[in-house]
PDB file of N, CA and C in Angstrom:
ATOM      1  N   MET A   1     112.348  81.169  46.402  1.00  0.00           N
ATOM      2  CA  MET A   1     111.490  80.716  45.629  1.00  0.00           C
ATOM      3  C   MET A   1     110.860  81.805  45.133  1.00  0.00           C
ATOM      4  N   LYS A   2     110.774  81.988  43.921  1.00  0.00           N
ATOM      5  CA  LYS A   2     109.918  83.295  43.594  1.00  0.00           C
ATOM      6  C   LYS A   2     108.456  82.359  43.587  1.00  0.00           C
ATOM      7  N   LEU A   3     107.303  83.367  43.650  1.00  0.00           N
ATOM      8  CA  LEU A   3     105.834  82.692  43.671  1.00  0.00           C
ATOM      9  C   LEU A   3     105.298  84.582  42.363  1.00  0.00           C
ATOM     10  N   ARG A   4     104.856  84.019  41.391  1.00  0.00           N
ATOM     11  CA  ARG A   4     104.403  84.874  40.202  1.00  0.00           C
ATOM     12  C   ARG A   4     102.770  84.498  40.520  1.00  0.00           C
ATOM     13  N   ILE A   5     102.074  85.635  40.476  1.00  0.00           N
ATOM     14  CA  ILE A   5     100.443  84.840  40.419  1.00  0.00           C
ATOM     15  C   ILE A   5      99.968  85.856  39.564  1.00  0.00           C
ATOM     16  N   GLU A   6      99.078  85.664  38.532  1.00  0.00           N
ATOM     17  CA  GLU A   6      98.309  86.066  37.597  1.00  0.00           C
ATOM     18  C   GLU A   6      97.130  85.674  37.399  1.00  0.00           C
ATOM     19  N   ASP A   7      96.064  86.413  37.111  1.00  0.00           N
ATOM     20  CA  ASP A   7      94.799  85.633  37.192  1.00  0.00           C
ATOM     21  C   ASP A   7      94.833  84.341  37.736  1.00  0.00           C
ATOM     22  N   ASP A   8      94.291  83.024  36.796  1.00  0.00           N
ATOM     23  CA  ASP A   8      94.206  82.140  37.192  1.00  0.00           C
ATOM     24  C   ASP A   8      95.516  81.006  36.702  1.00  0.00           C
ATOM     25  N   THR A   9      96.763  81.963  37.152  1.00  0.00           N
ATOM     26  CA  THR A   9      97.672  81.062  37.131  1.00  0.00           C
ATOM     27  C   THR A   9      98.788  81.175  38.419  1.00  0.00           C
ATOM     28  N   LEU A  10      99.365  80.257  38.955  1.00  0.00           N
ATOM     29  CA  LEU A  10     100.605  80.216  39.713  1.00  0.00           C
ATOM     30  C   LEU A  10     101.790  79.820  39.064  1.00  0.00           C
ATOM     31  N   ARG A  11     102.938  80.840  39.073  1.00  0.00           N
ATOM     32  CA  ARG A  11     104.091  80.153  38.709  1.00  0.00           C
ATOM     33  C   ARG A  11     105.150  79.979  39.385  1.00  0.00           C
ATOM     34  N   LEU A  12     105.961  79.179  40.284  1.00  0.00           N
ATOM     35  CA  LEU A  12     107.118  79.017  41.432  1.00  0.00           C
ATOM     36  C   LEU A  12     108.506  78.871  40.643  1.00  0.00           C
ATOM     37  N   ARG A  13     109.510  79.599  40.761  1.00  0.00           N
ATOM     38  CA  ARG A  13     110.891  79.308  39.968  1.00  0.00           C
ATOM     39  C   ARG A  13     111.510  79.253  41.572  1.00  0.00           C
ATOM     40  N   LEU A  14     112.558  78.214  41.333  1.00  0.00           N
ATOM     41  CA  LEU A  14     113.615  77.279  42.284  1.00  0.00           C
ATOM     42  C   LEU A  14     114.514  77.553  42.124  1.00  0.00           C
ATOM     43  N   SER A  15     115.490  78.059  42.768  1.00  0.00           N
ATOM     44  CA  SER A  15     116.927  78.200  42.963  1.00  0.00           C
ATOM     45  C   SER A  15     116.981  76.568  42.841  1.00  0.00           C
ATOM     46  N   ASP A  16     118.560  76.974  42.428  1.00  0.00           N
ATOM     47  CA  ASP A  16     119.243  75.479  42.734  1.00  0.00           C
ATOM     48  C   ASP A  16     119.370  74.659  44.095  1.00  0.00           C
ATOM     49  N   ALA A  17     119.581  75.594  44.905  1.00  0.00           N
ATOM     50  CA  ALA A  17     119.474  74.856  46.573  1.00  0.00           C
ATOM     51  C   ALA A  17     118.033  74.919  46.989  1.00  0.00           C
ATOM     52  N   GLU A  18     117.375  74.865  46.695  1.00  0.00           N
ATOM     53  CA  GLU A  18     115.687  74.714  46.415  1.00  0.00           C
ATOM     54  C   GLU A  18     115.109  73.707  45.908  1.00  0.00           C
ATOM     55  N   VAL A  19     115.580  73.575  44.698  1.00  0.00           N
ATOM     56  CA  VAL A  19     115.269  72.316  43.885  1.00  0.00           C
ATOM     57  C   VAL A  19     116.165  71.168  44.519  1.00  0.00           C
ATOM     58  N   ARG A  20     117.468  70.614  44.935  1.00  0.00           N
ATOM     59  CA  ARG A  20     117.695  70.106  46.075  1.00  0.00           C
ATOM     60  C   ARG A  20     116.893  69.508  47.353  1.00  0.00           C
ATOM     61  N   GLU A  21     117.124  70.986  47.997  1.00  0.00           N
ATOM     62  CA  GLU A  21     116.189  70.896  49.412  1.00  0.00           C
ATOM     63  C   GLU A  21     114.950  69.878  49.231  1.00  0.00           C
ATOM     64  N   PHE A  22     114.248  70.461  47.780  1.00  0.00           N
ATOM     65  CA  PHE A  22     112.735  69.445  47.681  1.00  0.00           C
ATOM     66  C   PHE A  22     113.157  68.203  47.258  1.00  0.00           C
ATOM     67  N   ALA A  23     114.290  68.165  46.570  1.00  0.00           N
ATOM     68  CA  ALA A  23     114.591  66.465  45.779  1.00  0.00           C
ATOM     69  C   ALA A  23     114.543  65.794  47.278  1.00  0.00           C
ATOM     70  N   ALA A  24     115.493  66.165  48.367  1.00  0.00           N
ATOM     71  CA  ALA A  24     116.011  65.637  49.360  1.00  0.00           C
ATOM     72  C   ALA A  24     114.668  65.630  50.382  1.00  0.00           C
ATOM     73  N   THR A  25     113.827  66.627  50.732  1.00  0.00           N
ATOM     74  CA  THR A  25     112.906  66.396  51.816  1.00  0.00           C
ATOM     75  C   THR A  25     111.532  66.586  51.555  1.00  0.00           C
ATOM     76  N   GLY A  26     111.021  66.975  49.997  1.00  0.00           N
ATOM     77  CA  GLY A  26     109.961  66.972  49.440  1.00  0.00           C
ATOM     78  C   GLY A  26     109.309  67.806  49.827  1.00  0.00           C
ATOM     79  N   ARG A  27     109.923  68.750  50.343  1.00  0.00           N
ATOM     80  CA  ARG A  27     109.017  70.185  50.739  1.00  0.00           C
ATOM     81  C   ARG A  27     109.850  71.409  50.825  1.00  0.00           C
ATOM     82  N   VAL A  28     109.836  72.636  50.408  1.00  0.00           N
ATOM     83  CA  VAL A  28     110.466  73.830  49.819  1.00  0.00           C
ATOM     84  C   VAL A  28     109.139  74.657  50.595  1.00  0.00           C
ATOM     85  N   VAL A  29     109.270  75.630  51.383  1.00  0.00           N
ATOM     86  CA  VAL A  29     108.610  76.525  52.053  1.00  0.00           C
ATOM     87  C   VAL A  29     109.139  78.116  51.971  1.00  0.00           C
ATOM     88  N   ALA A  30     108.318  79.136  51.878  1.00  0.00           N
ATOM     89  CA  ALA A  30     108.981  80.761  51.375  1.00  0.00           C
ATOM     90  C   ALA A  30     107.704  81.317  52.101  1.00  0.00           C
ATOM     91  N   ALA A  31     108.037  82.285  52.527  1.00  0.00           N
ATOM     92  CA  ALA A  31     106.896  83.203  52.899  1.00  0.00           C
ATOM     93  C   ALA A  31     106.979  84.740  52.473  1.00  0.00           C
ATOM     94  N   VAL A  32     105.652  85.391  52.396  1.00  0.00           N
ATOM     95  CA  VAL A  32     106.143  87.194  52.121  1.00  0.00           C
ATOM     96  C   VAL A  32     104.969  87.724  53.287  1.00  0.00           C
ATOM     97  N   HIS A  33     105.996  88.041  54.317  1.00  0.00           N
ATOM     98  CA  HIS A  33     105.313  88.945  55.443  1.00  0.00           C
ATOM     99  C   HIS A  33     104.932  90.391  54.798  1.00  0.00           C
ATOM    100  N   PHE A  34     103.573  90.714  55.738  1.00  0.00           N
ATOM    101  CA  PHE A  34     103.296  92.007  55.379  1.00  0.00           C
ATOM    102  C   PHE A  34     102.520  93.048  56.713  1.00  0.00           C
ATOM    103  N   GLY A  35     103.443  92.784  57.548  1.00  0.00           N
ATOM    104  CA  GLY A  35     103.060  93.276  59.043  1.00  0.00           C
ATOM    105  C   GLY A  35     103.697  93.046  60.043  1.00  0.00           C
ATOM    106  N   ALA A  36     103.798  93.740  60.643  1.00  0.00           N
ATOM    107  CA  ALA A  36     104.393  93.317  62.191  1.00  0.00           C
ATOM    108  C   ALA A  36     103.944  92.110  62.661  1.00  0.00           C
ATOM    109  N   ALA A  37     102.692  92.069  62.938  1.00  0.00           N
ATOM    110  CA  ALA A  37     102.234  90.374  63.718  1.00  0.00           C
ATOM    111  C   ALA A  37     102.544  89.081  62.520  1.00  0.00           C
ATOM    112  N   ALA A  38     102.482  88.405  63.664  1.00  0.00           N
ATOM    113  CA  ALA A  38     103.055  86.456  63.375  1.00  0.00           C
ATOM    114  C   ALA A  38     102.252  86.265  61.861  1.00  0.00           C
ATOM    115  N   GLY A  39     100.838  86.564  61.927  1.00  0.00           N
ATOM    116  CA  GLY A  39      99.573  86.078  60.696  1.00  0.00           C
ATOM    117  C   GLY A  39     100.071  86.861  59.694  1.00  0.00           C
ATOM    118  N   GLN A  40     100.216  87.916  59.658  1.00  0.00           N
ATOM    119  CA  GLN A  40     100.061  88.409  58.627  1.00  0.00           C
ATOM    120  C   GLN A  40     101.450  88.363  57.536  1.00  0.00           C
ATOM    121  N   GLN A  41     100.722  86.884  57.034  1.00  0.00           N
ATOM    122  CA  GLN A  41     101.631  86.851  56.105  1.00  0.00           C
ATOM    123  C   GLN A  41     101.575  85.444  55.364  1.00  0.00           C
ATOM    124  N   LEU A  42     101.881  85.633  53.785  1.00  0.00           N
ATOM    125  CA  LEU A  42     101.806  84.456  53.031  1.00  0.00           C
ATOM    126  C   LEU A  42     102.977  83.474  53.017  1.00  0.00           C
ATOM    127  N   THR A  43     101.973  82.027  53.249  1.00  0.00           N
ATOM    128  CA  THR A  43     103.366  81.258  53.245  1.00  0.00           C
ATOM    129  C   THR A  43     103.159  79.830  51.846  1.00  0.00           C
ATOM    130  N   TYR A  44     104.282  79.889  51.192  1.00  0.00           N
ATOM    131  CA  TYR A  44     103.548  79.147  49.992  1.00  0.00           C
ATOM    132  C   TYR A  44     104.865  78.214  50.007  1.00  0.00           C
ATOM    133  N   ALA A  45     104.643  76.885  49.246  1.00  0.00           N
ATOM    134  CA  ALA A  45     105.233  75.696  49.095  1.00  0.00           C
ATOM    135  C   ALA A  45     104.901  74.754  48.309  1.00  0.00           C
ATOM    136  N   LEU A  46     105.833  74.027  48.025  1.00  0.00           N
ATOM    137  CA  LEU A  46     105.713  72.839  47.158  1.00  0.00           C
ATOM    138  C   LEU A  46     105.997  71.414  48.023  1.00  0.00           C
ATOM    139  N   GLU A  47     105.322  70.804  47.638  1.00  0.00           N
ATOM    140  CA  GLU A  47     104.902  69.561  48.657  1.00  0.00           C
ATOM    141  C   GLU A  47     104.945  68.421  47.484  1.00  0.00           C
ATOM    142  N   ARG A  48     105.829  67.313  47.709  1.00  0.00           N
ATOM    143  CA  ARG A  48     105.907  66.146  47.310  1.00  0.00           C
ATOM    144  C   ARG A  48     104.261  65.144  47.754  1.00  0.00           C
ATOM    145  N   ALA A  49     103.287  64.639  47.138  1.00  0.00           N
ATOM    146  CA  ALA A  49     102.449  64.459  47.614  1.00  0.00           C
ATOM    147  C   ALA A  49     102.046  63.332  47.132  1.00  0.00           C
ATOM    148  N   GLU A  50     101.044  62.091  47.716  1.00  0.00           N
ATOM    149  CA  GLU A  50     100.908  60.721  47.484  1.00  0.00           C
ATOM    150  C   GLU A  50      99.674  60.911  46.614  1.00  0.00           C
ATOM    151  N   ALA A  51      99.630  61.677  45.081  1.00  0.00           N
ATOM    152  CA  ALA A  51      98.924  62.275  44.626  1.00  0.00           C
ATOM    153  C   ALA A  51      98.679  62.057  43.261  1.00  0.00           C
ATOM    154  N   PRO A  52      97.924  61.387  41.980  1.00  0.00           N
ATOM    155  CA  PRO A  52      97.907  60.752  40.855  1.00  0.00           C
ATOM    156  C   PRO A  52      98.485  62.383  40.219  1.00  0.00           C
ATOM    157  N   ALA A  53      98.013  63.477  40.712  1.00  0.00           N
ATOM    158  CA  ALA A  53      97.881  64.805  39.724  1.00  0.00           C
ATOM    159  C   ALA A  53      98.327  65.643  40.672  1.00  0.00           C
ATOM    160  N   VAL A  54      98.971  67.224  39.610  1.00  0.00           N
ATOM    161  CA  VAL A  54      99.361  67.898  40.661  1.00  0.00           C
ATOM    162  C   VAL A  54      98.196  68.772  41.272  1.00  0.00           C
ATOM    163  N   GLY A  55      98.160  69.098  42.171  1.00  0.00           N
ATOM    164  CA  GLY A  55      97.714  69.865  42.906  1.00  0.00           C
ATOM    165  C   GLY A  55      97.706  70.919  44.150  1.00  0.00           C
ATOM    166  N   VAL A  56      96.388  71.641  44.097  1.00  0.00           N
ATOM    167  CA  VAL A  56      96.925  72.966  44.981  1.00  0.00           C
ATOM    168  C   VAL A  56      95.994  72.813  46.407  1.00  0.00           C
ATOM    169  N   ARG A  57      96.842  73.238  47.077  1.00  0.00           N
ATOM    170  CA  ARG A  57      95.935  72.855  48.745  1.00  0.00           C
ATOM    171  C   ARG A  57      95.941  74.943  49.363  1.00  0.00           C
ATOM    172  N   TYR A  58      94.618  75.597  49.663  1.00  0.00           N
ATOM    173  CA  TYR A  58      94.844  77.026  50.165  1.00  0.00           C
ATOM    174  C   TYR A  58      94.413  76.508  51.051  1.00  0.00           C
ATOM    175  N   ALA A  59      94.466  77.771  52.516  1.00  0.00           N
ATOM    176  CA  ALA A  59      93.795  77.489  53.689  1.00  0.00           C
ATOM    177  C   ALA A  59      94.361  79.353  53.983  1.00  0.00           C
ATOM    178  N   PRO A  60      93.394  79.936  54.272  1.00  0.00           N
ATOM    179  CA  PRO A  60      93.896  81.762  55.155  1.00  0.00           C
ATOM    180  C   PRO A  60      95.783  81.575  54.852  1.00  0.00           C
ATOM    181  N   GLY A  61      96.059  82.488  54.129  1.00  0.00           N
ATOM    182  CA  GLY A  61      97.599  82.301  54.553  1.00  0.00           C
ATOM    183  C   GLY A  61      98.576  81.756  54.333  1.00  0.00           C
ATOM    184  N   ALA A  62      97.960  80.556  53.979  1.00  0.00           N
ATOM    185  CA  ALA A  62      99.139  79.212  53.522  1.00  0.00           C
ATOM    186  C   ALA A  62      98.459  78.618  51.978  1.00  0.00           C
ATOM    187  N   LEU A  63      99.393  78.880  51.051  1.00  0.00           N
ATOM    188  CA  LEU A  63      99.187  77.872  49.739  1.00  0.00           C
ATOM    189  C   LEU A  63     100.130  77.203  49.910  1.00  0.00           C
ATOM    190  N   THR A  64     100.013  76.058  48.935  1.00  0.00           N
ATOM    191  CA  THR A  64     100.817  74.334  48.734  1.00  0.00           C
ATOM    192  C   THR A  64     100.378  74.198  47.271  1.00  0.00           C
ATOM    193  N   VAL A  65     101.415  74.071  46.743  1.00  0.00           N
ATOM    194  CA  VAL A  65     101.301  73.071  45.137  1.00  0.00           C
ATOM    195  C   VAL A  65     102.020  72.079  45.611  1.00  0.00           C
ATOM    196  N   LEU A  66     100.963  70.679  45.439  1.00  0.00           N
ATOM    197  CA  LEU A  66     100.819  69.387  45.536  1.00  0.00           C
ATOM    198  C   LEU A  66     101.919  68.749  44.145  1.00  0.00           C
ATOM    199  N   VAL A  67     102.759  67.844  44.118  1.00  0.00           N
ATOM    200  CA  VAL A  67     103.450  67.611  43.481  1.00  0.00           C
ATOM    201  C   VAL A  67     103.842  66.103  43.369  1.00  0.00           C
ATOM    202  N   PRO A  68     102.834  65.436  42.589  1.00  0.00           N
ATOM    203  CA  PRO A  68     102.733  63.765  42.872  1.00  0.00           C
ATOM    204  C   PRO A  68     104.396  63.009  42.459  1.00  0.00           C
ATOM    205  N   GLY A  69     105.040  62.038  43.332  1.00  0.00           N
ATOM    206  CA  GLY A  69     106.174  61.458  43.469  1.00  0.00           C
ATOM    207  C   GLY A  69     107.199  61.684  42.523  1.00  0.00           C
ATOM    208  N   ALA A  70     106.236  60.584  41.389  1.00  0.00           N
ATOM    209  CA  ALA A  70     107.090  60.224  39.893  1.00  0.00           C
ATOM    210  C   ALA A  70     107.544  61.821  39.690  1.00  0.00           C
ATOM    211  N   LEU A  71     106.282  62.545  39.303  1.00  0.00           N
ATOM    212  CA  LEU A  71     106.846  63.953  38.847  1.00  0.00           C
ATOM    213  C   LEU A  71     107.836  64.572  39.327  1.00  0.00           C
ATOM    214  N   ALA A  72     107.727  64.283  40.821  1.00  0.00           N
ATOM    215  CA  ALA A  72     108.778  65.151  41.516  1.00  0.00           C
ATOM    216  C   ALA A  72     110.198  64.867  41.273  1.00  0.00           C
ATOM    217  N   ASP A  73     110.653  63.190  40.931  1.00  0.00           N
ATOM    218  CA  ASP A  73     111.680  62.869  40.617  1.00  0.00           C
ATOM    219  C   ASP A  73     112.062  63.272  39.306  1.00  0.00           C
ATOM    220  N   ALA A  74     111.006  62.943  38.425  1.00  0.00           N
ATOM    221  CA  ALA A  74     111.547  63.402  37.228  1.00  0.00           C
ATOM    222  C   ALA A  74     111.987  64.575  36.630  1.00  0.00           C
ATOM    223  N   TRP A  75     111.601  65.515  37.354  1.00  0.00           N
ATOM    224  CA  TRP A  75     111.866  66.991  37.738  1.00  0.00           C
ATOM    225  C   TRP A  75     113.151  67.252  38.150  1.00  0.00           C
ATOM    226  N   THR A  76     113.218  66.683  39.460  1.00  0.00           N
ATOM    227  CA  THR A  76     114.366  67.337  40.106  1.00  0.00           C
ATOM    228  C   THR A  76     115.637  66.122  39.792  1.00  0.00           C
ATOM    229  N   GLY A  77     115.679  64.814  39.108  1.00  0.00           N
ATOM    230  CA  GLY A  77     116.392  64.340  38.992  1.00  0.00           C
ATOM    231  C   GLY A  77     116.705  64.368  37.488  1.00  0.00           C
ATOM    232  N   THR A  78     116.360  64.778  36.439  1.00  0.00           N
ATOM    233  CA  THR A  78     116.855  65.352  35.300  1.00  0.00           C
ATOM    234  C   THR A  78     117.296  66.587  34.500  1.00  0.00           C
ATOM    235  N   ALA A  79     117.565  67.333  33.368  1.00  0.00           N
ATOM    236  CA  ALA A  79     117.478  68.192  33.096  1.00  0.00           C
ATOM    237  C   ALA A  79     116.798  69.039  32.821  1.00  0.00           C
ATOM    238  N   GLN A  80     115.431  68.077  32.948  1.00  0.00           N
ATOM    239  CA  GLN A  80     114.144  68.667  32.725  1.00  0.00           C
ATOM    240  C   GLN A  80     114.078  69.938  33.546  1.00  0.00           C
ATOM    241  N   ASN A  81     113.693  71.403  32.608  1.00  0.00           N
ATOM    242  CA  ASN A  81     113.493  72.869  33.689  1.00  0.00           C
ATOM    243  C   ASN A  81     112.546  73.112  34.153  1.00  0.00           C
ATOM    244  N   GLY A  82     111.072  72.005  34.193  1.00  0.00           N
ATOM    245  CA  GLY A  82     109.934  72.643  34.754  1.00  0.00           C
ATOM    246  C   GLY A  82     108.509  72.194  34.451  1.00  0.00           C
ATOM    247  N   PHE A  83     107.779  71.773  34.455  1.00  0.00           N
ATOM    248  CA  PHE A  83     106.302  71.135  34.204  1.00  0.00           C
ATOM    249  C   PHE A  83     105.493  72.576  34.412  1.00  0.00           C
ATOM    250  N   SER A  84     104.182  71.943  33.671  1.00  0.00           N
ATOM    251  CA  SER A  84     102.868  73.021  33.769  1.00  0.00           C
ATOM    252  C   SER A  84     101.873  71.936  33.792  1.00  0.00           C
ATOM    253  N   GLU A  85     100.783  72.609  34.471  1.00  0.00           N
ATOM    254  CA  GLU A  85      99.600  71.364  34.641  1.00  0.00           C
ATOM    255  C   GLU A  85      98.452  72.141  34.573  1.00  0.00           C
ATOM    256  N   HIS A  86      96.895  71.963  34.257  1.00  0.00           N
ATOM    257  CA  HIS A  86      95.922  72.426  34.735  1.00  0.00           C
ATOM    258  C   HIS A  86      94.869  72.105  36.013  1.00  0.00           C
ATOM    259  N   VAL A  87      94.584  72.394  36.957  1.00  0.00           N
ATOM    260  CA  VAL A  87      94.264  72.297  37.706  1.00  0.00           C
ATOM    261  C   VAL A  87      92.506  72.637  37.859  1.00  0.00           C
ATOM    262  N   ALA A  88      91.511  71.594  37.919  1.00  0.00           N
ATOM    263  CA  ALA A  88      89.815  71.807  37.772  1.00  0.00           C
ATOM    264  C   ALA A  88      89.763  72.582  38.410  1.00  0.00           C
ATOM    265  N   LEU A  89      88.817  73.749  38.627  1.00  0.00           N
ATOM    266  CA  LEU A  89      88.397  74.032  39.640  1.00  0.00           C
ATOM    267  C   LEU A  89      86.862  74.566  39.759  1.00  0.00           C
ATOM    268  N   ALA A  90      85.691  74.773  40.412  1.00  0.00           N
ATOM    269  CA  ALA A  90      84.767  74.722  40.741  1.00  0.00           C
ATOM    270  C   ALA A  90      84.301  76.258  39.066  1.00  0.00           C
ATOM    271  N   ASP A  91      83.011  75.496  39.032  1.00  0.00           N
ATOM    272  CA  ASP A  91      82.479  76.231  37.726  1.00  0.00           C
ATOM    273  C   ASP A  91      83.174  76.165  36.416  1.00  0.00           C
ATOM    274  N   ALA A  92      83.963  75.084  36.180  1.00  0.00           N
ATOM    275  CA  ALA A  92      84.471  74.583  34.941  1.00  0.00           C
ATOM    276  C   ALA A  92      85.550  75.782  34.627  1.00  0.00           C
ATOM    277  N   GLN A  93      86.166  76.075  35.937  1.00  0.00           N
ATOM    278  CA  GLN A  93      87.414  77.329  36.199  1.00  0.00           C
ATOM    279  C   GLN A  93      88.629  76.423  35.900  1.00  0.00           C
ATOM    280  N   GLN A  94      90.196  76.878  35.445  1.00  0.00           N
ATOM    281  CA  GLN A  94      91.206  75.910  35.536  1.00  0.00           C
ATOM    282  C   GLN A  94      92.188  77.040  36.314  1.00  0.00           C
ATOM    283  N   LEU A  95      92.817  76.412  37.191  1.00  0.00           N
ATOM    284  CA  LEU A  95      94.384  77.192  37.823  1.00  0.00           C
ATOM    285  C   LEU A  95      95.239  76.882  36.642  1.00  0.00           C
ATOM    286  N   ARG A  96      95.990  77.282  36.138  1.00  0.00           N
ATOM    287  CA  ARG A  96      97.326  77.024  35.627  1.00  0.00           C
ATOM    288  C   ARG A  96      98.546  76.742  36.691  1.00  0.00           C
ATOM    289  N   ILE A  97      99.102  75.832  36.735  1.00  0.00           N
ATOM    290  CA  ILE A  97     100.409  75.714  37.975  1.00  0.00           C
ATOM    291  C   ILE A  97     101.390  75.356  36.849  1.00  0.00           C
ATOM    292  N   LEU A  98     102.547  76.504  37.061  1.00  0.00           N
ATOM    293  CA  LEU A  98     104.109  76.181  35.998  1.00  0.00           C
ATOM    294  C   LEU A  98     105.086  76.199  37.437  1.00  0.00           C
ATOM    295  N   VAL A  99     105.558  74.979  37.339  1.00  0.00           N
ATOM    296  CA  VAL A  99     107.036  74.783  38.153  1.00  0.00           C
ATOM    297  C   VAL A  99     107.864  74.888  37.230  1.00  0.00           C
ATOM    298  N   GLU A 100     109.214  75.684  37.541  1.00  0.00           N
ATOM    299  CA  GLU A 100     110.619  75.970  36.894  1.00  0.00           C
ATOM    300  C   GLU A 100     111.870  76.106  37.589  1.00  0.00           C
ATOM    301  N   LYS A 101     112.608  75.200  37.130  1.00  0.00           N
ATOM    302  CA  LYS A 101     114.217  75.552  37.979  1.00  0.00           C
ATOM    303  C   LYS A 101     114.455  76.979  38.053  1.00  0.00           C
ATOM    304  N   ASP A 102     115.052  77.705  38.411  1.00  0.00           N
ATOM    305  CA  ASP A 102     115.488  78.950  38.186  1.00  0.00           C
ATOM    306  C   ASP A 102     117.380  79.168  38.196  1.00  0.00           C
ATOM    307  N   LEU A 103     117.796  78.271  37.635  1.00  0.00           N
ATOM    308  CA  LEU A 103     119.073  77.728  37.941  1.00  0.00           C
ATOM    309  C   LEU A 103     120.221  78.866  37.875  1.00  0.00           C
ATOM    310  N   ASP A 104     119.877  80.118  36.950  1.00  0.00           N
ATOM    311  CA  ASP A 104     120.383  80.972  36.996  1.00  0.00           C
ATOM    312  C   ASP A 104     120.365  81.985  37.451  1.00  0.00           C
ATOM    313  N   CYS A 105     119.760  82.085  38.380  1.00  0.00           N
ATOM    314  CA  CYS A 105     119.028  83.075  39.813  1.00  0.00           C
ATOM    315  C   CYS A 105     120.760  83.692  40.226  1.00  0.00           C
ATOM    316  N   ARG A 106     120.624  84.840  40.620  1.00  0.00           N
ATOM    317  CA  ARG A 106     122.325  85.271  40.997  1.00  0.00           C
ATOM    318  C   ARG A 106     121.781  86.524  42.326  1.00  0.00           C
ATOM    319  N   HIS A 107     120.327  86.385  42.540  1.00  0.00           N
ATOM    320  CA  HIS A 107     120.249  87.451  43.797  1.00  0.00           C
ATOM    321  C   HIS A 107     120.199  86.628  45.302  1.00  0.00           C
TER     322      HIS A 107
END
């Protein structure tokens, strides 16, 4: 799973295998390691959630994008390539979240 962060935008691109894993288990996770110690990493995940809208959960070293079940089913069960949502933040800011299938990924 690829993660792109730019300003107030998160973009996740999932391979075909990752889309299938998300459909089957409701979660797909990846990590970027920054050092030799176990805690020196960023874990990022896409997770099915009992929520009315797309959301995000952040804790030090862990970022999770939460997807409502109906949207998860529609996205994984059809040819729909992706979805984009805006999440309201403090001080009238917004976080744009894009989740896409990266089906032509060959690396």
